[in-house]
């Protein structure tokens, strides 16, 4: 899954793809580099980020989605707002990537009325304050329990498990120790019976391990994606699509039972 931030303030590439032309060009580059899914987001959810109005988010993402409607591969809308989800699905997106796991009023209904896929992510708190002293008794148990519950809610609303993926939410209300525990125990989430999506690309966890600033975390991001796949992730959400695809090709060649 290639990350396409149509925002002026993303933590990793703030403003680089804010214009429609720049965003569309980057989308085609990621497709050429091997992205299977493009994840388009119009509101930053980095730590400390403040929410923006629905109209502003729509103004950012809809022109890009409309230009990419005929692009190869599915488009995902990275949003927790039901109004944005509905408009994006109408504009050609076929997946919703929701950091709030369809807990916003109306979000569950939007997805249930569609045939879209959805990724349910765990986030403790909200982006503005989520990284201010997050605490858990057992982070793996608590995140697993939350996602299990959201899966049940989706099924009750008529969203089949075949349409759902889950994301433990690395960096969303988690310390370095919490993130490492989640990655070490990723198999627990795979056991829930749906694909696991992992987004570790360029995140502060990698900066804390390597002491590299955000623009210099490409190598550690690829390493993190490989570790996630090795532990059961089926989708990795990344900035460096080509480097990640190449690394995964080597991994798969070695792990495969076929020459």
C-alpha atoms as a PDB file:
ATOM      1  CA  UNK A   1       0.000   0.000   0.000  1.00  0.00           C
ATOM      2  CA  UNK A   2       1.551   3.261  -1.175  1.00  0.00           C
ATOM      3  CA  UNK A   3       1.033   6.321   1.012  1.00  0.00           C
ATOM      4  CA  UNK A   4      -0.258   9.445  -0.744  1.00  0.00           C
ATOM      5  CA  UNK A   5      -0.634  12.366   1.658  1.00  0.00           C
ATOM      6  CA  UNK A   6      -2.524  15.253   0.077  1.00  0.00           C
ATOM      7  CA  UNK A   7      -1.757  17.462   3.060  1.00  0.00           C
ATOM      8  CA  UNK A   8       0.482  20.437   3.859  1.00  0.00           C
ATOM      9  CA  UNK A   9       1.523  19.042   7.246  1.00  0.00           C
ATOM     10  CA  UNK A  10       2.159  15.303   7.100  1.00  0.00           C
ATOM     11  CA  UNK A  11       4.969  14.270   9.435  1.00  0.00           C
ATOM     12  CA  UNK A  12       6.938  12.543   6.675  1.00  0.00           C
ATOM     13  CA  UNK A  13       6.434  14.496   3.453  1.00  0.00           C
ATOM     14  CA  UNK A  14       4.455  17.564   4.496  1.00  0.00           C
ATOM     15  CA  UNK A  15       3.372  19.560   1.477  1.00  0.00           C
ATOM     16  CA  UNK A  16       5.337  17.669  -1.188  1.00  0.00           C
ATOM     17  CA  UNK A  17       2.191  16.273  -2.813  1.00  0.00           C
ATOM     18  CA  UNK A  18      -0.328  18.896  -1.713  1.00  0.00           C
ATOM     19  CA  UNK A  19      -1.178  20.044  -5.248  1.00  0.00           C
ATOM     20  CA  UNK A  20      -3.377  17.827  -7.391  1.00  0.00           C
ATOM     21  CA  UNK A  21      -0.730  17.554 -10.116  1.00  0.00           C
ATOM     22  CA  UNK A  22       2.008  16.594  -7.668  1.00  0.00           C
ATOM     23  CA  UNK A  23      -0.235  14.038  -5.968  1.00  0.00           C
ATOM     24  CA  UNK A  24      -1.318  12.423  -9.234  1.00  0.00           C
ATOM     25  CA  UNK A  25       2.286  12.250 -10.477  1.00  0.00           C
ATOM     26  CA  UNK A  26       3.396  10.623  -7.239  1.00  0.00           C
ATOM     27  CA  UNK A  27       0.515   8.152  -7.451  1.00  0.00           C
ATOM     28  CA  UNK A  28       1.607   7.026 -10.920  1.00  0.00           C
ATOM     29  CA  UNK A  29       5.213   6.714  -9.726  1.00  0.00           C
ATOM     30  CA  UNK A  30       4.115   4.449  -6.895  1.00  0.00           C
ATOM     31  CA  UNK A  31       2.037   2.322  -9.262  1.00  0.00           C
ATOM     32  CA  UNK A  32       5.055   1.956 -11.572  1.00  0.00           C
ATOM     33  CA  UNK A  33       7.154   1.017  -8.539  1.00  0.00           C
ATOM     34  CA  UNK A  34       4.758  -1.793  -7.673  1.00  0.00           C
ATOM     35  CA  UNK A  35       2.121  -0.426  -5.303  1.00  0.00           C
ATOM     36  CA  UNK A  36      -0.925  -2.711  -5.174  1.00  0.00           C
ATOM     37  CA  UNK A  37      -3.096  -0.159  -3.344  1.00  0.00           C
ATOM     38  CA  UNK A  38      -2.894   3.633  -3.126  1.00  0.00           C
ATOM     39  CA  UNK A  39      -3.971   5.138   0.193  1.00  0.00           C
ATOM     40  CA  UNK A  40      -5.074   8.756  -0.269  1.00  0.00           C
ATOM     41  CA  UNK A  41      -5.372  10.957   2.813  1.00  0.00           C
ATOM     42  CA  UNK A  42      -6.342  14.604   3.170  1.00  0.00           C
ATOM     43  CA  UNK A  43      -5.963  15.112   6.923  1.00  0.00           C
ATOM     44  CA  UNK A  44      -2.762  14.550   8.871  1.00  0.00           C
ATOM     45  CA  UNK A  45      -3.111  12.214  11.846  1.00  0.00           C
ATOM     46  CA  UNK A  46       0.466  12.687  13.038  1.00  0.00           C
ATOM     47  CA  UNK A  47       0.946  13.186  16.789  1.00  0.00           C
ATOM     48  CA  UNK A  48      -0.246  16.656  17.725  1.00  0.00           C
ATOM     49  CA  UNK A  49      -2.294  17.183  14.561  1.00  0.00           C
ATOM     50  CA  UNK A  50      -5.585  19.062  14.831  1.00  0.00           C
ATOM     51  CA  UNK A  51      -8.661  17.988  12.842  1.00  0.00           C
ATOM     52  CA  UNK A  52      -9.767  19.935   9.761  1.00  0.00           C
ATOM     53  CA  UNK A  53     -13.302  20.607   8.458  1.00  0.00           C
ATOM     54  CA  UNK A  54     -14.994  18.038   6.247  1.00  0.00           C
ATOM     55  CA  UNK A  55     -15.194  20.502   3.361  1.00  0.00           C
ATOM     56  CA  UNK A  56     -11.447  21.125   3.457  1.00  0.00           C
ATOM     57  CA  UNK A  57     -10.659  17.425   3.487  1.00  0.00           C
ATOM     58  CA  UNK A  58     -13.006  16.831   0.555  1.00  0.00           C
ATOM     59  CA  UNK A  59     -11.415  19.684  -1.393  1.00  0.00           C
ATOM     60  CA  UNK A  60      -8.044  17.994  -0.967  1.00  0.00           C
ATOM     61  CA  UNK A  61      -8.857  14.379  -1.804  1.00  0.00           C
ATOM     62  CA  UNK A  62     -11.727  14.383  -4.308  1.00  0.00           C
ATOM     63  CA  UNK A  63      -9.841  15.991  -7.241  1.00  0.00           C
ATOM     64  CA  UNK A  64      -7.023  13.475  -6.767  1.00  0.00           C
ATOM     65  CA  UNK A  65      -9.355  10.471  -6.532  1.00  0.00           C
ATOM     66  CA  UNK A  66     -11.248  11.610  -9.620  1.00  0.00           C
ATOM     67  CA  UNK A  67      -7.999  11.913 -11.601  1.00  0.00           C
ATOM     68  CA  UNK A  68      -6.944   8.445 -10.439  1.00  0.00           C
ATOM     69  CA  UNK A  69     -10.283   6.726 -11.033  1.00  0.00           C
ATOM     70  CA  UNK A  70      -8.900   4.855 -14.052  1.00  0.00           C
ATOM     71  CA  UNK A  71      -5.549   4.066 -12.462  1.00  0.00           C
ATOM     72  CA  UNK A  72      -4.396   0.483 -12.150  1.00  0.00           C
ATOM     73  CA  UNK A  73      -5.229  -1.042  -8.775  1.00  0.00           C
ATOM     74  CA  UNK A  74      -7.626  -0.116  -5.988  1.00  0.00           C
ATOM     75  CA  UNK A  75      -7.777   3.249  -4.274  1.00  0.00           C
ATOM     76  CA  UNK A  76      -8.166   3.589  -0.512  1.00  0.00           C
ATOM     77  CA  UNK A  77      -9.435   6.667   1.326  1.00  0.00           C
ATOM     78  CA  UNK A  78      -7.601   7.344   4.582  1.00  0.00           C
ATOM     79  CA  UNK A  79     -10.304   9.061   6.620  1.00  0.00           C
ATOM     80  CA  UNK A  80     -12.447   8.603   9.723  1.00  0.00           C
ATOM     81  CA  UNK A  81     -15.177  11.026   8.605  1.00  0.00           C
ATOM     82  CA  UNK A  82     -18.287   9.338   7.155  1.00  0.00           C
ATOM     83  CA  UNK A  83     -18.963  12.230   4.782  1.00  0.00           C
ATOM     84  CA  UNK A  84     -15.479  11.907   3.306  1.00  0.00           C
ATOM     85  CA  UNK A  85     -15.774   8.118   3.094  1.00  0.00           C
ATOM     86  CA  UNK A  86     -19.065   8.334   1.196  1.00  0.00           C
ATOM     87  CA  UNK A  87     -17.826  10.956  -1.260  1.00  0.00           C
ATOM     88  CA  UNK A  88     -14.555   9.111  -1.839  1.00  0.00           C
ATOM     89  CA  UNK A  89     -16.322   5.820  -2.524  1.00  0.00           C
ATOM     90  CA  UNK A  90     -18.578   7.602  -5.003  1.00  0.00           C
ATOM     91  CA  UNK A  91     -15.462   9.084  -6.662  1.00  0.00           C
ATOM     92  CA  UNK A  92     -13.856   5.693  -7.238  1.00  0.00           C
ATOM     93  CA  UNK A  93     -12.248   4.542  -3.988  1.00  0.00           C
ATOM     94  CA  UNK A  94     -12.932   0.912  -3.114  1.00  0.00           C
ATOM     95  CA  UNK A  95     -11.471   0.790   0.397  1.00  0.00           C
ATOM     96  CA  UNK A  96     -11.714   2.811   3.601  1.00  0.00           C
ATOM     97  CA  UNK A  97      -8.689   3.045   5.898  1.00  0.00           C
ATOM     98  CA  UNK A  98     -10.036   4.343   9.197  1.00  0.00           C
ATOM     99  CA  UNK A  99      -7.793   5.249  12.139  1.00  0.00           C
ATOM    100  CA  UNK A 100     -10.913   5.261  14.334  1.00  0.00           C
ATOM    101  CA  UNK A 101     -12.154   1.817  13.228  1.00  0.00           C
ATOM    102  CA  UNK A 102     -15.620   3.036  12.165  1.00  0.00           C
ATOM    103  CA  UNK A 103     -16.438   4.438  15.615  1.00  0.00           C
ATOM    104  CA  UNK A 104     -17.460   7.880  14.349  1.00  0.00           C
ATOM    105  CA  UNK A 105     -21.275   8.221  14.135  1.00  0.00           C
ATOM    106  CA  UNK A 106     -22.411   7.209  10.654  1.00  0.00           C
ATOM    107  CA  UNK A 107     -19.106   5.660   9.535  1.00  0.00           C
ATOM    108  CA  UNK A 108     -20.238   2.069  10.067  1.00  0.00           C
ATOM    109  CA  UNK A 109     -23.376   2.686   7.999  1.00  0.00           C
ATOM    110  CA  UNK A 110     -21.424   4.190   5.092  1.00  0.00           C
ATOM    111  CA  UNK A 111     -19.241   1.099   4.765  1.00  0.00           C
ATOM    112  CA  UNK A 112     -22.113  -1.319   5.415  1.00  0.00           C
ATOM    113  CA  UNK A 113     -24.133   0.225   2.567  1.00  0.00           C
ATOM    114  CA  UNK A 114     -21.219  -0.186   0.160  1.00  0.00           C
ATOM    115  CA  UNK A 115     -19.217  -3.152  -1.061  1.00  0.00           C
ATOM    116  CA  UNK A 116     -15.935  -1.496  -0.085  1.00  0.00           C
ATOM    117  CA  UNK A 117     -13.139  -3.037   1.883  1.00  0.00           C
ATOM    118  CA  UNK A 118     -12.221  -1.491   5.207  1.00  0.00           C
ATOM    119  CA  UNK A 119      -9.208  -1.416   7.510  1.00  0.00           C
ATOM    120  CA  UNK A 120      -9.975  -1.026  11.210  1.00  0.00           C
ATOM    121  CA  UNK A 121      -7.140   0.581  13.152  1.00  0.00           C
ATOM    122  CA  UNK A 122      -6.552   0.893  16.886  1.00  0.00           C
ATOM    123  CA  UNK A 123      -5.799   4.355  18.224  1.00  0.00           C
ATOM    124  CA  UNK A 124      -5.650   5.300  21.899  1.00  0.00           C
ATOM    125  CA  UNK A 125      -7.018   8.816  22.206  1.00  0.00           C
ATOM    126  CA  UNK A 126      -6.948  11.333  19.362  1.00  0.00           C
ATOM    127  CA  UNK A 127      -3.990  12.592  17.287  1.00  0.00           C
ATOM    128  CA  UNK A 128      -3.804  15.907  19.124  1.00  0.00           C
ATOM    129  CA  UNK A 129      -2.961  14.255  22.462  1.00  0.00           C
ATOM    130  CA  UNK A 130      -2.429  10.534  21.791  1.00  0.00           C
ATOM    131  CA  UNK A 131       1.317  10.551  22.430  1.00  0.00           C
ATOM    132  CA  UNK A 132       1.083  12.291  25.800  1.00  0.00           C
ATOM    133  CA  UNK A 133       1.914   9.482  28.232  1.00  0.00           C
ATOM    134  CA  UNK A 134      -0.130   6.589  26.709  1.00  0.00           C
ATOM    135  CA  UNK A 135      -0.560   3.723  29.178  1.00  0.00           C
ATOM    136  CA  UNK A 136      -1.780   0.117  29.008  1.00  0.00           C
ATOM    137  CA  UNK A 137      -1.907  -2.776  31.434  1.00  0.00           C
ATOM    138  CA  UNK A 138      -1.062  -5.124  28.539  1.00  0.00           C
ATOM    139  CA  UNK A 139      -0.856  -3.364  25.176  1.00  0.00           C
ATOM    140  CA  UNK A 140      -1.146  -6.552  23.090  1.00  0.00           C
ATOM    141  CA  UNK A 141      -4.195  -7.806  24.990  1.00  0.00           C
ATOM    142  CA  UNK A 142      -5.922  -4.428  24.909  1.00  0.00           C
ATOM    143  CA  UNK A 143      -5.335  -3.752  21.222  1.00  0.00           C
ATOM    144  CA  UNK A 144      -6.358  -7.302  20.309  1.00  0.00           C
ATOM    145  CA  UNK A 145      -9.530  -7.019  22.391  1.00  0.00           C
ATOM    146  CA  UNK A 146     -10.461  -3.715  20.760  1.00  0.00           C
ATOM    147  CA  UNK A 147      -9.975  -5.046  17.238  1.00  0.00           C
ATOM    148  CA  UNK A 148     -11.840  -8.253  18.028  1.00  0.00           C
ATOM    149  CA  UNK A 149     -14.748  -6.144  19.245  1.00  0.00           C
ATOM    150  CA  UNK A 150     -14.754  -3.942  16.158  1.00  0.00           C
ATOM    151  CA  UNK A 151     -14.749  -7.028  13.935  1.00  0.00           C
ATOM    152  CA  UNK A 152     -17.848  -8.250  15.762  1.00  0.00           C
ATOM    153  CA  UNK A 153     -19.545  -4.865  15.327  1.00  0.00           C
ATOM    154  CA  UNK A 154     -18.805  -4.908  11.610  1.00  0.00           C
ATOM    155  CA  UNK A 155     -20.178  -8.418  11.201  1.00  0.00           C
ATOM    156  CA  UNK A 156     -23.343  -7.459  13.067  1.00  0.00           C
ATOM    157  CA  UNK A 157     -23.770  -4.515  10.678  1.00  0.00           C
ATOM    158  CA  UNK A 158     -23.516  -6.814   7.655  1.00  0.00           C
ATOM    159  CA  UNK A 159     -19.867  -6.172   6.753  1.00  0.00           C
ATOM    160  CA  UNK A 160     -18.442  -9.605   6.026  1.00  0.00           C
ATOM    161  CA  UNK A 161     -15.010 -10.538   7.334  1.00  0.00           C
ATOM    162  CA  UNK A 162     -13.841 -10.978   3.739  1.00  0.00           C
ATOM    163  CA  UNK A 163     -14.030  -7.176   3.409  1.00  0.00           C
ATOM    164  CA  UNK A 164     -12.082  -6.347   6.564  1.00  0.00           C
ATOM    165  CA  UNK A 165      -8.431  -5.873   7.507  1.00  0.00           C
ATOM    166  CA  UNK A 166      -7.066  -4.796  10.885  1.00  0.00           C
ATOM    167  CA  UNK A 167      -4.190  -2.537  11.923  1.00  0.00           C
ATOM    168  CA  UNK A 168      -2.688  -2.460  15.456  1.00  0.00           C
ATOM    169  CA  UNK A 169      -1.977   1.239  14.987  1.00  0.00           C
ATOM    170  CA  UNK A 170       1.762   1.605  15.442  1.00  0.00           C
ATOM    171  CA  UNK A 171       2.535   5.073  16.770  1.00  0.00           C
ATOM    172  CA  UNK A 172      -1.076   5.927  17.530  1.00  0.00           C
ATOM    173  CA  UNK A 173      -1.104   6.302  21.303  1.00  0.00           C
ATOM    174  CA  UNK A 174       1.857   3.962  21.866  1.00  0.00           C
ATOM    175  CA  UNK A 175       5.343   4.332  23.306  1.00  0.00           C
ATOM    176  CA  UNK A 176       8.440   2.737  21.819  1.00  0.00           C
ATOM    177  CA  UNK A 177       8.003  -0.236  24.162  1.00  0.00           C
ATOM    178  CA  UNK A 178       4.322  -0.612  23.178  1.00  0.00           C
ATOM    179  CA  UNK A 179       5.168  -0.594  19.467  1.00  0.00           C
ATOM    180  CA  UNK A 180       7.922  -3.176  19.872  1.00  0.00           C
ATOM    181  CA  UNK A 181       5.616  -5.445  21.892  1.00  0.00           C
ATOM    182  CA  UNK A 182       2.957  -5.222  19.172  1.00  0.00           C
ATOM    183  CA  UNK A 183       5.421  -6.051  16.413  1.00  0.00           C
ATOM    184  CA  UNK A 184       6.875  -8.966  18.344  1.00  0.00           C
ATOM    185  CA  UNK A 185       3.366 -10.356  18.881  1.00  0.00           C
ATOM    186  CA  UNK A 186       1.877  -9.623  15.468  1.00  0.00           C
ATOM    187  CA  UNK A 187       0.861 -13.248  15.104  1.00  0.00           C
ATOM    188  CA  UNK A 188      -1.779 -12.695  17.764  1.00  0.00           C
ATOM    189  CA  UNK A 189      -3.578 -10.346  15.395  1.00  0.00           C
ATOM    190  CA  UNK A 190      -3.265 -12.657  12.406  1.00  0.00           C
ATOM    191  CA  UNK A 191      -5.071 -15.234  14.546  1.00  0.00           C
ATOM    192  CA  UNK A 192      -8.192 -13.036  14.385  1.00  0.00           C
ATOM    193  CA  UNK A 193      -8.692 -14.431  10.895  1.00  0.00           C
ATOM    194  CA  UNK A 194      -8.481 -11.315   8.724  1.00  0.00           C
ATOM    195  CA  UNK A 195      -5.544  -9.654   6.943  1.00  0.00           C
ATOM    196  CA  UNK A 196      -3.251  -7.568   9.120  1.00  0.00           C
ATOM    197  CA  UNK A 197      -2.099  -4.195   7.790  1.00  0.00           C
ATOM    198  CA  UNK A 198       1.021  -2.611   9.275  1.00  0.00           C
ATOM    199  CA  UNK A 199       2.150   0.992   8.900  1.00  0.00           C
ATOM    200  CA  UNK A 200       5.631   1.599  10.293  1.00  0.00           C
ATOM    201  CA  UNK A 201       7.125   3.601   7.440  1.00  0.00           C
ATOM    202  CA  UNK A 202       9.303   6.507   8.671  1.00  0.00           C
ATOM    203  CA  UNK A 203       7.638   6.522  12.095  1.00  0.00           C
ATOM    204  CA  UNK A 204       9.169   7.837  15.302  1.00  0.00           C
ATOM    205  CA  UNK A 205       9.760   4.290  16.561  1.00  0.00           C
ATOM    206  CA  UNK A 206      12.342   3.900  13.799  1.00  0.00           C
ATOM    207  CA  UNK A 207      13.840   7.275  14.608  1.00  0.00           C
ATOM    208  CA  UNK A 208      14.203   6.317  18.256  1.00  0.00           C
ATOM    209  CA  UNK A 209      15.975   3.085  17.289  1.00  0.00           C
ATOM    210  CA  UNK A 210      18.286   4.504  14.601  1.00  0.00           C
ATOM    211  CA  UNK A 211      18.619   8.114  15.774  1.00  0.00           C
ATOM    212  CA  UNK A 212      17.713   9.230  12.252  1.00  0.00           C
ATOM    213  CA  UNK A 213      15.463  12.160  11.383  1.00  0.00           C
ATOM    214  CA  UNK A 214      12.279  11.434   9.488  1.00  0.00           C
ATOM    215  CA  UNK A 215      13.750  11.966   6.024  1.00  0.00           C
ATOM    216  CA  UNK A 216      16.519   9.451   6.675  1.00  0.00           C
ATOM    217  CA  UNK A 217      14.464   6.443   7.756  1.00  0.00           C
ATOM    218  CA  UNK A 218      14.152   4.686   4.398  1.00  0.00           C
ATOM    219  CA  UNK A 219      16.381   1.724   5.288  1.00  0.00           C
ATOM    220  CA  UNK A 220      14.802   1.178   8.685  1.00  0.00           C
ATOM    221  CA  UNK A 221      11.341   1.461   7.107  1.00  0.00           C
ATOM    222  CA  UNK A 222      12.137  -1.351   4.676  1.00  0.00           C
ATOM    223  CA  UNK A 223      13.528  -3.463   7.512  1.00  0.00           C
ATOM    224  CA  UNK A 224      10.386  -2.862   9.563  1.00  0.00           C
ATOM    225  CA  UNK A 225       8.160  -3.860   6.633  1.00  0.00           C
ATOM    226  CA  UNK A 226      10.094  -7.126   6.214  1.00  0.00           C
ATOM    227  CA  UNK A 227       9.817  -7.887   9.928  1.00  0.00           C
ATOM    228  CA  UNK A 228       6.086  -7.197   9.807  1.00  0.00           C
ATOM    229  CA  UNK A 229       5.571  -9.546   6.857  1.00  0.00           C
ATOM    230  CA  UNK A 230       7.683 -12.203   8.549  1.00  0.00           C
ATOM    231  CA  UNK A 231       5.391 -11.966  11.569  1.00  0.00           C
ATOM    232  CA  UNK A 232       2.163 -12.210   9.584  1.00  0.00           C
ATOM    233  CA  UNK A 233       1.327  -8.850   8.001  1.00  0.00           C
ATOM    234  CA  UNK A 234      -0.377  -9.197   4.621  1.00  0.00           C
ATOM    235  CA  UNK A 235      -0.363  -5.484   3.752  1.00  0.00           C
ATOM    236  CA  UNK A 236       2.402  -3.005   4.479  1.00  0.00           C
ATOM    237  CA  UNK A 237       1.690   0.707   4.165  1.00  0.00           C
ATOM    238  CA  UNK A 238       4.878   2.377   2.913  1.00  0.00           C
ATOM    239  CA  UNK A 239       6.463   5.458   1.387  1.00  0.00           C
ATOM    240  CA  UNK A 240       9.345   3.645  -0.367  1.00  0.00           C
ATOM    241  CA  UNK A 241       7.352   1.338  -2.613  1.00  0.00           C
ATOM    242  CA  UNK A 242      10.130   0.152  -4.944  1.00  0.00           C
ATOM    243  CA  UNK A 243      12.659  -0.544  -2.189  1.00  0.00           C
ATOM    244  CA  UNK A 244      10.063  -2.430  -0.171  1.00  0.00           C
ATOM    245  CA  UNK A 245       8.933  -4.494  -3.161  1.00  0.00           C
ATOM    246  CA  UNK A 246      12.527  -5.448  -3.965  1.00  0.00           C
ATOM    247  CA  UNK A 247      13.221  -6.447  -0.365  1.00  0.00           C
ATOM    248  CA  UNK A 248      10.029  -8.498  -0.231  1.00  0.00           C
ATOM    249  CA  UNK A 249      10.909 -10.208  -3.516  1.00  0.00           C
ATOM    250  CA  UNK A 250      14.169 -11.430  -1.975  1.00  0.00           C
ATOM    251  CA  UNK A 251      12.380 -12.481   1.210  1.00  0.00           C
ATOM    252  CA  UNK A 252       9.699 -14.390  -0.706  1.00  0.00           C
ATOM    253  CA  UNK A 253      12.291 -16.125  -2.921  1.00  0.00           C
ATOM    254  CA  UNK A 254      14.126 -17.406   0.143  1.00  0.00           C
ATOM    255  CA  UNK A 255      11.012 -18.361   2.096  1.00  0.00           C
ATOM    256  CA  UNK A 256       9.185 -19.958  -0.834  1.00  0.00           C
ATOM    257  CA  UNK A 257       9.161 -23.710  -1.322  1.00  0.00           C
ATOM    258  CA  UNK A 258       9.568 -23.223  -5.064  1.00  0.00           C
ATOM    259  CA  UNK A 259      12.615 -22.171  -7.063  1.00  0.00           C
END
